[in-house]
């Protein structure tokens, strides 16, 4: 079993840098602790682009890269990327096979409903995509109803 080794690094700071760290670190924190915190923060923010060798495993990092979204669904990539972590937080599996199933589901929706379905999934925190519900009662034509006749002095009922 390989153990984790700490590596010591020497950094020379000018007075302005040292003053900045001293003013921004919390009580009891050393300058080295502050700098270590900066490195950790930078590491967490950095999202490296996936290589072709690790593409199959990249879905396990719970971030959906635009490169993985099929060309026919690229116009929804911002919504898919925004929704993917929500799906994970709700307990959804984030694997390549699940992503392919979701892409297939999204393709099954009418093209005019896809964006709204993704927006509803984001807004409501759903871990899956659902088709939009259509009204159960068909809309009646407005002008064919007998009560829609209009009376005018000149023409009577029309």
N, C-alpha and C. Protein backbone atom coordinates (compact mmCIF):
# COMPACT_ATOMS: atom_id res chain seq x y z
N UNK A 1 0.84 -1.18 0.00
CA UNK A 1 0.00 0.00 0.00
C UNK A 1 0.88 1.25 0.00
N UNK A 2 0.59 2.15 -0.89
CA UNK A 2 1.39 3.35 -1.02
C UNK A 2 0.88 4.40 -0.05
N UNK A 3 1.80 5.04 0.68
CA UNK A 3 1.40 6.08 1.62
C UNK A 3 1.58 7.44 0.98
N UNK A 4 0.80 8.37 1.47
CA UNK A 4 0.83 9.72 0.95
C UNK A 4 1.98 10.47 1.61
N UNK A 5 2.84 11.09 0.82
CA UNK A 5 3.99 11.82 1.35
C UNK A 5 3.78 13.31 1.16
N UNK A 6 4.09 14.05 2.19
CA UNK A 6 4.05 15.51 2.09
C UNK A 6 5.34 15.99 1.46
N UNK A 7 5.24 17.01 0.67
CA UNK A 7 6.39 17.60 0.00
C UNK A 7 6.55 19.01 0.53
N UNK A 8 7.74 19.33 0.96
CA UNK A 8 8.02 20.68 1.47
C UNK A 8 8.43 21.57 0.32
N UNK A 9 7.93 22.81 0.37
CA UNK A 9 8.24 23.79 -0.66
C UNK A 9 8.63 25.08 0.05
N UNK A 10 9.66 25.70 -0.41
CA UNK A 10 10.06 27.01 0.12
C UNK A 10 9.58 28.09 -0.83
N UNK A 11 8.97 29.11 -0.27
CA UNK A 11 8.47 30.21 -1.08
C UNK A 11 9.01 31.50 -0.47
N UNK A 12 9.58 32.33 -1.30
CA UNK A 12 10.07 33.62 -0.84
C UNK A 12 9.03 34.67 -1.18
N UNK A 13 8.63 35.42 -0.16
CA UNK A 13 7.61 36.45 -0.33
C UNK A 13 8.24 37.82 -0.13
N UNK A 14 7.80 38.78 -0.90
CA UNK A 14 8.24 40.14 -0.59
C UNK A 14 7.35 40.66 0.54
N UNK A 15 7.66 41.82 1.07
CA UNK A 15 6.95 42.33 2.23
C UNK A 15 5.45 42.55 1.94
N UNK A 16 5.15 43.00 0.75
CA UNK A 16 3.75 43.24 0.39
C UNK A 16 2.94 41.95 0.41
N UNK A 17 3.51 40.87 -0.10
CA UNK A 17 2.83 39.57 -0.09
C UNK A 17 2.64 39.05 1.33
N UNK A 18 3.68 39.17 2.14
CA UNK A 18 3.59 38.71 3.53
C UNK A 18 2.54 39.50 4.30
N UNK A 19 2.49 40.80 4.07
CA UNK A 19 1.48 41.64 4.73
C UNK A 19 0.07 41.23 4.29
N UNK A 20 -0.09 40.97 3.01
CA UNK A 20 -1.40 40.53 2.50
C UNK A 20 -1.85 39.25 3.19
N UNK A 21 -0.98 38.27 3.28
CA UNK A 21 -1.33 36.99 3.93
C UNK A 21 -1.66 37.22 5.40
N UNK A 22 -0.84 38.03 6.08
CA UNK A 22 -1.07 38.30 7.51
C UNK A 22 -2.41 38.98 7.74
N UNK A 23 -2.83 39.84 6.83
CA UNK A 23 -4.11 40.55 6.98
C UNK A 23 -5.31 39.66 6.66
N UNK A 24 -5.12 38.63 5.85
CA UNK A 24 -6.24 37.82 5.40
C UNK A 24 -6.36 36.46 6.07
N UNK A 25 -5.34 36.00 6.75
CA UNK A 25 -5.41 34.69 7.41
C UNK A 25 -6.18 34.82 8.71
N UNK A 26 -6.73 33.70 9.15
CA UNK A 26 -7.48 33.70 10.40
C UNK A 26 -6.52 33.58 11.58
N UNK A 27 -7.01 33.89 12.76
CA UNK A 27 -6.17 33.87 13.97
C UNK A 27 -5.61 32.47 14.19
N UNK A 28 -4.33 32.38 14.46
CA UNK A 28 -3.69 31.11 14.74
C UNK A 28 -3.22 30.38 13.49
N UNK A 29 -3.53 30.90 12.34
CA UNK A 29 -3.13 30.26 11.08
C UNK A 29 -1.75 30.75 10.68
N UNK A 30 -0.93 29.84 10.21
CA UNK A 30 0.39 30.22 9.72
C UNK A 30 0.29 30.62 8.25
N UNK A 31 1.30 31.28 7.78
CA UNK A 31 1.34 31.68 6.36
C UNK A 31 1.29 30.45 5.46
N UNK A 32 1.97 29.41 5.85
CA UNK A 32 1.98 28.19 5.03
C UNK A 32 0.58 27.56 4.97
N UNK A 33 -0.17 27.64 6.08
CA UNK A 33 -1.54 27.12 6.07
C UNK A 33 -2.42 27.91 5.10
N UNK A 34 -2.23 29.22 5.10
CA UNK A 34 -2.99 30.08 4.21
C UNK A 34 -2.69 29.75 2.75
N UNK A 35 -1.43 29.57 2.44
CA UNK A 35 -1.03 29.26 1.06
C UNK A 35 -1.52 27.87 0.65
N UNK A 36 -1.48 26.93 1.56
CA UNK A 36 -1.99 25.58 1.28
C UNK A 36 -3.50 25.66 0.96
N UNK A 37 -4.19 26.49 1.72
CA UNK A 37 -5.63 26.69 1.46
C UNK A 37 -5.90 27.26 0.09
N UNK A 38 -5.05 28.20 -0.35
CA UNK A 38 -5.20 28.76 -1.70
C UNK A 38 -5.03 27.69 -2.77
N UNK A 39 -4.05 26.81 -2.57
CA UNK A 39 -3.82 25.74 -3.55
C UNK A 39 -5.01 24.80 -3.59
N UNK A 40 -5.54 24.43 -2.42
CA UNK A 40 -6.72 23.54 -2.37
C UNK A 40 -7.91 24.18 -3.06
N UNK A 41 -8.12 25.46 -2.81
CA UNK A 41 -9.24 26.16 -3.43
C UNK A 41 -9.10 26.17 -4.96
N UNK A 42 -7.91 26.41 -5.42
CA UNK A 42 -7.65 26.42 -6.87
C UNK A 42 -7.86 25.03 -7.47
N UNK A 43 -7.46 24.00 -6.75
CA UNK A 43 -7.62 22.62 -7.25
C UNK A 43 -9.10 22.26 -7.36
N UNK A 44 -9.91 22.70 -6.44
CA UNK A 44 -11.35 22.38 -6.46
C UNK A 44 -12.06 23.07 -7.61
N UNK A 45 -11.65 24.28 -7.94
CA UNK A 45 -12.30 25.04 -9.00
C UNK A 45 -11.94 24.55 -10.39
N UNK A 46 -10.75 24.00 -10.52
CA UNK A 46 -10.26 23.61 -11.85
C UNK A 46 -11.02 22.38 -12.34
N UNK A 47 -11.58 22.48 -13.53
CA UNK A 47 -12.27 21.36 -14.15
C UNK A 47 -11.56 21.05 -15.44
N UNK A 48 -10.76 20.03 -15.42
CA UNK A 48 -9.97 19.66 -16.60
C UNK A 48 -10.86 19.04 -17.66
N UNK A 49 -10.54 19.33 -18.90
CA UNK A 49 -11.24 18.71 -20.03
C UNK A 49 -10.88 17.23 -20.08
N UNK A 50 -11.84 16.38 -20.36
CA UNK A 50 -11.55 14.95 -20.39
C UNK A 50 -10.74 14.58 -21.63
N UNK A 51 -9.92 13.60 -21.49
CA UNK A 51 -9.19 13.08 -22.64
C UNK A 51 -9.97 11.91 -23.20
N UNK A 52 -9.62 11.47 -24.38
CA UNK A 52 -10.34 10.36 -24.98
C UNK A 52 -10.11 9.06 -24.22
N UNK A 53 -8.99 8.96 -23.50
CA UNK A 53 -8.72 7.72 -22.76
C UNK A 53 -9.59 7.58 -21.53
N UNK A 54 -9.96 8.71 -20.91
CA UNK A 54 -10.78 8.60 -19.71
C UNK A 54 -12.23 9.02 -19.94
N UNK A 55 -12.64 9.09 -21.20
CA UNK A 55 -13.98 9.53 -21.51
C UNK A 55 -15.04 8.61 -20.91
N UNK A 56 -14.82 7.31 -20.95
CA UNK A 56 -15.80 6.37 -20.43
C UNK A 56 -15.95 6.48 -18.92
N UNK A 57 -14.91 6.88 -18.22
CA UNK A 57 -14.98 7.00 -16.77
C UNK A 57 -15.36 8.40 -16.32
N UNK A 58 -15.41 9.36 -17.22
CA UNK A 58 -15.63 10.74 -16.83
C UNK A 58 -17.03 11.00 -16.30
N UNK A 59 -17.99 10.17 -16.65
CA UNK A 59 -19.34 10.37 -16.12
C UNK A 59 -19.37 10.14 -14.62
N UNK A 60 -18.40 9.42 -14.09
CA UNK A 60 -18.36 9.13 -12.67
C UNK A 60 -17.93 10.33 -11.84
N UNK A 61 -17.48 11.40 -12.48
CA UNK A 61 -17.07 12.57 -11.72
C UNK A 61 -18.24 13.54 -11.53
N UNK A 62 -19.42 13.17 -11.99
CA UNK A 62 -20.65 13.92 -11.75
C UNK A 62 -20.67 15.29 -12.40
N UNK A 63 -19.93 15.44 -13.46
CA UNK A 63 -19.99 16.67 -14.25
C UNK A 63 -20.13 16.24 -15.70
N UNK A 64 -21.12 16.76 -16.36
CA UNK A 64 -21.37 16.39 -17.75
C UNK A 64 -20.68 17.41 -18.64
N UNK A 65 -19.70 16.97 -19.39
CA UNK A 65 -18.98 17.85 -20.31
C UNK A 65 -19.74 17.98 -21.61
N UNK A 66 -19.62 19.13 -22.22
CA UNK A 66 -20.31 19.39 -23.49
C UNK A 66 -19.85 18.43 -24.58
N UNK A 67 -18.63 17.94 -24.48
CA UNK A 67 -18.10 16.99 -25.47
C UNK A 67 -18.90 15.69 -25.50
N UNK A 68 -19.54 15.34 -24.40
CA UNK A 68 -20.29 14.08 -24.31
C UNK A 68 -21.70 14.19 -24.87
N UNK A 69 -22.19 15.40 -25.05
CA UNK A 69 -23.57 15.59 -25.51
C UNK A 69 -23.60 15.41 -27.02
N UNK A 70 -24.51 14.56 -27.50
CA UNK A 70 -24.60 14.31 -28.95
C UNK A 70 -24.88 15.60 -29.73
N UNK A 71 -24.45 15.63 -30.97
CA UNK A 71 -24.60 16.82 -31.80
C UNK A 71 -26.05 17.27 -31.95
N UNK A 72 -26.97 16.32 -32.04
CA UNK A 72 -28.37 16.70 -32.24
C UNK A 72 -29.00 17.31 -30.99
N UNK A 73 -28.32 17.23 -29.85
CA UNK A 73 -28.84 17.81 -28.60
C UNK A 73 -27.96 18.94 -28.08
N UNK A 74 -27.02 19.42 -28.89
CA UNK A 74 -26.08 20.46 -28.46
C UNK A 74 -26.79 21.75 -28.05
N UNK A 75 -27.92 22.06 -28.66
CA UNK A 75 -28.61 23.30 -28.31
C UNK A 75 -29.14 23.28 -26.88
N UNK A 76 -29.22 22.10 -26.28
CA UNK A 76 -29.70 21.96 -24.90
C UNK A 76 -28.54 21.70 -23.94
N UNK A 77 -27.30 21.85 -24.40
CA UNK A 77 -26.14 21.46 -23.59
C UNK A 77 -26.06 22.27 -22.29
N UNK A 78 -26.35 23.57 -22.32
CA UNK A 78 -26.29 24.36 -21.09
C UNK A 78 -27.27 23.83 -20.05
N UNK A 79 -28.46 23.48 -20.49
CA UNK A 79 -29.47 22.95 -19.56
C UNK A 79 -29.08 21.56 -19.05
N UNK A 80 -28.57 20.72 -19.93
CA UNK A 80 -28.15 19.39 -19.51
C UNK A 80 -27.00 19.46 -18.52
N UNK A 81 -26.04 20.33 -18.76
CA UNK A 81 -24.89 20.49 -17.86
C UNK A 81 -25.35 21.03 -16.51
N UNK A 82 -26.31 21.95 -16.51
CA UNK A 82 -26.84 22.50 -15.26
C UNK A 82 -27.64 21.45 -14.48
N UNK A 83 -28.36 20.59 -15.19
CA UNK A 83 -29.23 19.61 -14.54
C UNK A 83 -28.48 18.40 -14.01
N UNK A 84 -27.37 18.02 -14.62
CA UNK A 84 -26.64 16.80 -14.26
C UNK A 84 -26.28 16.73 -12.77
N UNK A 85 -25.68 17.80 -12.16
CA UNK A 85 -25.38 17.74 -10.72
C UNK A 85 -26.63 17.69 -9.85
N UNK A 86 -27.72 18.31 -10.30
CA UNK A 86 -28.98 18.24 -9.56
C UNK A 86 -29.44 16.80 -9.51
N UNK A 87 -29.33 16.12 -10.62
CA UNK A 87 -29.70 14.71 -10.71
C UNK A 87 -28.89 13.87 -9.73
N UNK A 88 -27.59 14.16 -9.64
CA UNK A 88 -26.72 13.42 -8.73
C UNK A 88 -27.10 13.68 -7.27
N UNK A 89 -27.35 14.94 -6.92
CA UNK A 89 -27.72 15.28 -5.55
C UNK A 89 -29.01 14.59 -5.12
N UNK A 90 -29.90 14.34 -6.06
CA UNK A 90 -31.18 13.69 -5.75
C UNK A 90 -31.05 12.17 -5.70
N UNK A 91 -29.82 11.65 -5.85
CA UNK A 91 -29.60 10.21 -5.74
C UNK A 91 -29.58 9.48 -7.06
N UNK A 92 -29.58 10.22 -8.16
CA UNK A 92 -29.56 9.59 -9.47
C UNK A 92 -28.17 9.09 -9.82
N UNK A 93 -28.11 8.04 -10.58
CA UNK A 93 -26.85 7.49 -11.03
C UNK A 93 -26.34 8.34 -12.19
N UNK A 94 -25.04 8.58 -12.22
CA UNK A 94 -24.44 9.41 -13.26
C UNK A 94 -23.41 8.60 -14.03
N UNK A 95 -23.88 7.68 -14.84
CA UNK A 95 -22.99 6.85 -15.63
C UNK A 95 -23.23 7.12 -17.11
N UNK A 96 -22.37 6.57 -17.93
CA UNK A 96 -22.50 6.77 -19.37
C UNK A 96 -23.79 6.14 -19.89
N UNK A 97 -24.14 4.97 -19.39
CA UNK A 97 -25.37 4.32 -19.86
C UNK A 97 -26.61 5.12 -19.47
N UNK A 98 -26.59 5.72 -18.29
CA UNK A 98 -27.71 6.57 -17.87
C UNK A 98 -27.78 7.81 -18.75
N UNK A 99 -26.63 8.41 -19.05
CA UNK A 99 -26.62 9.58 -19.93
C UNK A 99 -27.19 9.23 -21.30
N UNK A 100 -26.83 8.08 -21.83
CA UNK A 100 -27.37 7.66 -23.13
C UNK A 100 -28.88 7.44 -23.06
N UNK A 101 -29.35 6.90 -21.94
CA UNK A 101 -30.80 6.71 -21.77
C UNK A 101 -31.51 8.06 -21.72
N UNK A 102 -30.91 9.01 -21.03
CA UNK A 102 -31.51 10.35 -20.94
C UNK A 102 -31.52 11.03 -22.29
N UNK A 103 -30.44 10.88 -23.05
CA UNK A 103 -30.40 11.45 -24.40
C UNK A 103 -31.50 10.84 -25.26
N UNK A 104 -31.70 9.53 -25.14
CA UNK A 104 -32.74 8.84 -25.90
C UNK A 104 -34.13 9.33 -25.48
N UNK A 105 -34.32 9.51 -24.18
CA UNK A 105 -35.60 10.02 -23.67
C UNK A 105 -35.85 11.42 -24.19
N UNK A 106 -34.83 12.26 -24.15
CA UNK A 106 -34.98 13.64 -24.63
C UNK A 106 -35.31 13.67 -26.12
N UNK A 107 -34.72 12.78 -26.89
CA UNK A 107 -35.03 12.71 -28.32
C UNK A 107 -36.46 12.27 -28.57
N UNK A 108 -37.05 11.51 -27.64
CA UNK A 108 -38.42 11.02 -27.82
C UNK A 108 -39.45 12.14 -27.63
N UNK A 109 -39.06 13.23 -26.98
CA UNK A 109 -39.97 14.35 -26.77
C UNK A 109 -40.08 15.16 -28.07
N UNK A 110 -41.22 15.79 -28.30
CA UNK A 110 -41.29 16.71 -29.44
C UNK A 110 -40.24 17.81 -29.27
N UNK A 111 -39.65 18.24 -30.35
CA UNK A 111 -38.54 19.21 -30.26
C UNK A 111 -38.94 20.49 -29.54
N UNK A 112 -40.20 20.91 -29.66
CA UNK A 112 -40.62 22.14 -28.99
C UNK A 112 -40.78 21.95 -27.48
N UNK A 113 -40.82 20.70 -26.98
CA UNK A 113 -41.00 20.44 -25.55
C UNK A 113 -39.69 20.13 -24.82
N UNK A 114 -38.62 19.90 -25.53
CA UNK A 114 -37.37 19.47 -24.90
C UNK A 114 -36.82 20.50 -23.93
N UNK A 115 -36.76 21.75 -24.37
CA UNK A 115 -36.21 22.80 -23.52
C UNK A 115 -37.05 22.97 -22.26
N UNK A 116 -38.35 22.99 -22.41
CA UNK A 116 -39.23 23.16 -21.25
C UNK A 116 -39.14 21.98 -20.30
N UNK A 117 -38.99 20.77 -20.82
CA UNK A 117 -38.85 19.58 -19.97
C UNK A 117 -37.58 19.67 -19.13
N UNK A 118 -36.48 20.11 -19.75
CA UNK A 118 -35.23 20.28 -19.01
C UNK A 118 -35.35 21.40 -17.98
N UNK A 119 -35.99 22.49 -18.34
CA UNK A 119 -36.16 23.60 -17.40
C UNK A 119 -37.00 23.17 -16.20
N UNK A 120 -38.05 22.39 -16.43
CA UNK A 120 -38.87 21.90 -15.33
C UNK A 120 -38.09 20.96 -14.43
N UNK A 121 -37.24 20.11 -15.03
CA UNK A 121 -36.42 19.18 -14.24
C UNK A 121 -35.45 19.96 -13.35
N UNK A 122 -34.90 21.05 -13.87
CA UNK A 122 -33.97 21.88 -13.08
C UNK A 122 -34.73 22.60 -11.98
N UNK A 123 -35.82 23.25 -12.34
CA UNK A 123 -36.60 24.03 -11.38
C UNK A 123 -37.14 23.17 -10.24
N UNK A 124 -37.64 22.00 -10.57
CA UNK A 124 -38.25 21.13 -9.57
C UNK A 124 -37.28 20.17 -8.91
N UNK A 125 -36.03 20.15 -9.37
CA UNK A 125 -35.02 19.28 -8.77
C UNK A 125 -35.26 17.80 -9.05
N UNK A 126 -35.78 17.49 -10.23
CA UNK A 126 -36.06 16.10 -10.57
C UNK A 126 -34.78 15.38 -10.97
N UNK A 127 -34.76 14.07 -10.71
CA UNK A 127 -33.60 13.29 -11.15
C UNK A 127 -33.87 12.56 -12.45
N UNK A 128 -35.00 12.82 -13.06
CA UNK A 128 -35.30 12.25 -14.37
C UNK A 128 -36.07 13.27 -15.19
N UNK A 129 -36.18 13.02 -16.49
CA UNK A 129 -36.93 13.89 -17.38
C UNK A 129 -38.30 13.30 -17.63
N UNK A 130 -39.30 14.14 -17.62
CA UNK A 130 -40.67 13.69 -17.84
C UNK A 130 -41.29 14.49 -18.97
N UNK A 131 -42.14 13.83 -19.78
CA UNK A 131 -42.81 14.57 -20.86
C UNK A 131 -43.77 15.59 -20.27
N UNK A 132 -43.98 16.65 -21.01
CA UNK A 132 -44.90 17.68 -20.56
C UNK A 132 -46.33 17.16 -20.61
N UNK A 133 -47.11 17.52 -19.62
CA UNK A 133 -48.51 17.10 -19.60
C UNK A 133 -49.31 18.06 -20.48
N UNK A 134 -50.09 17.48 -21.34
CA UNK A 134 -50.98 18.26 -22.20
C UNK A 134 -52.34 18.33 -21.52
N UNK A 135 -53.11 19.34 -21.85
CA UNK A 135 -54.44 19.48 -21.27
C UNK A 135 -55.31 18.29 -21.64
N UNK A 136 -56.09 17.82 -20.68
CA UNK A 136 -56.96 16.67 -20.93
C UNK A 136 -58.19 17.05 -21.75
N UNK A 137 -58.64 18.27 -21.60
CA UNK A 137 -59.84 18.73 -22.27
C UNK A 137 -59.46 19.50 -23.53
N UNK A 138 -59.88 19.02 -24.69
CA UNK A 138 -59.52 19.77 -25.91
C UNK A 138 -60.21 21.13 -25.91
N UNK A 139 -59.52 22.10 -26.48
CA UNK A 139 -60.06 23.44 -26.53
C UNK A 139 -61.21 23.53 -27.54
N UNK A 140 -62.29 24.15 -27.11
CA UNK A 140 -63.46 24.28 -27.99
C UNK A 140 -63.27 25.46 -28.93
N UNK A 141 -63.79 25.33 -30.15
CA UNK A 141 -63.74 26.49 -31.05
C UNK A 141 -64.57 27.63 -30.44
N UNK A 142 -64.10 28.85 -30.54
CA UNK A 142 -64.72 29.97 -29.84
C UNK A 142 -65.93 30.55 -30.57
N UNK A 143 -65.92 30.54 -31.88
CA UNK A 143 -66.98 31.23 -32.61
C UNK A 143 -68.20 30.36 -32.91
N UNK A 144 -68.15 29.06 -32.66
CA UNK A 144 -69.27 28.19 -33.01
C UNK A 144 -70.28 28.02 -31.87
N UNK A 145 -70.00 28.55 -30.73
CA UNK A 145 -70.90 28.40 -29.58
C UNK A 145 -72.06 29.36 -29.71
N UNK A 146 -73.33 28.93 -29.42
CA UNK A 146 -74.48 29.82 -29.58
C UNK A 146 -74.40 31.07 -28.73
N UNK A 147 -73.78 31.01 -27.57
CA UNK A 147 -73.69 32.18 -26.71
C UNK A 147 -72.67 33.19 -27.21
N UNK A 148 -71.94 32.86 -28.24
CA UNK A 148 -70.92 33.78 -28.72
C UNK A 148 -71.48 34.76 -29.76
N UNK A 149 -72.78 34.68 -30.01
CA UNK A 149 -73.36 35.62 -30.97
C UNK A 149 -73.37 37.02 -30.37
N UNK A 150 -73.21 38.00 -31.24
CA UNK A 150 -73.16 39.39 -30.80
C UNK A 150 -74.33 40.13 -31.41
N UNK A 151 -75.01 40.92 -30.59
CA UNK A 151 -76.14 41.72 -31.08
C UNK A 151 -75.67 43.14 -31.33
N UNK A 152 -75.96 43.63 -32.51
CA UNK A 152 -75.70 45.02 -32.86
C UNK A 152 -77.00 45.66 -33.31
N UNK A 153 -77.13 46.95 -33.11
CA UNK A 153 -78.35 47.67 -33.48
C UNK A 153 -78.58 47.62 -34.99
N UNK A 154 -77.56 47.66 -35.73
CA UNK A 154 -77.67 47.69 -37.18
C UNK A 154 -77.98 46.31 -37.75
N UNK A 155 -77.31 45.27 -37.27
CA UNK A 155 -77.44 43.96 -37.89
C UNK A 155 -78.18 42.93 -37.06
N UNK A 156 -78.57 43.26 -35.85
CA UNK A 156 -79.24 42.28 -34.99
C UNK A 156 -78.20 41.27 -34.47
N UNK A 157 -78.66 40.02 -34.31
CA UNK A 157 -77.74 38.97 -33.84
C UNK A 157 -76.85 38.50 -35.00
N UNK A 158 -75.65 38.36 -34.76
CA UNK A 158 -74.72 37.87 -35.79
C UNK A 158 -73.99 36.67 -35.27
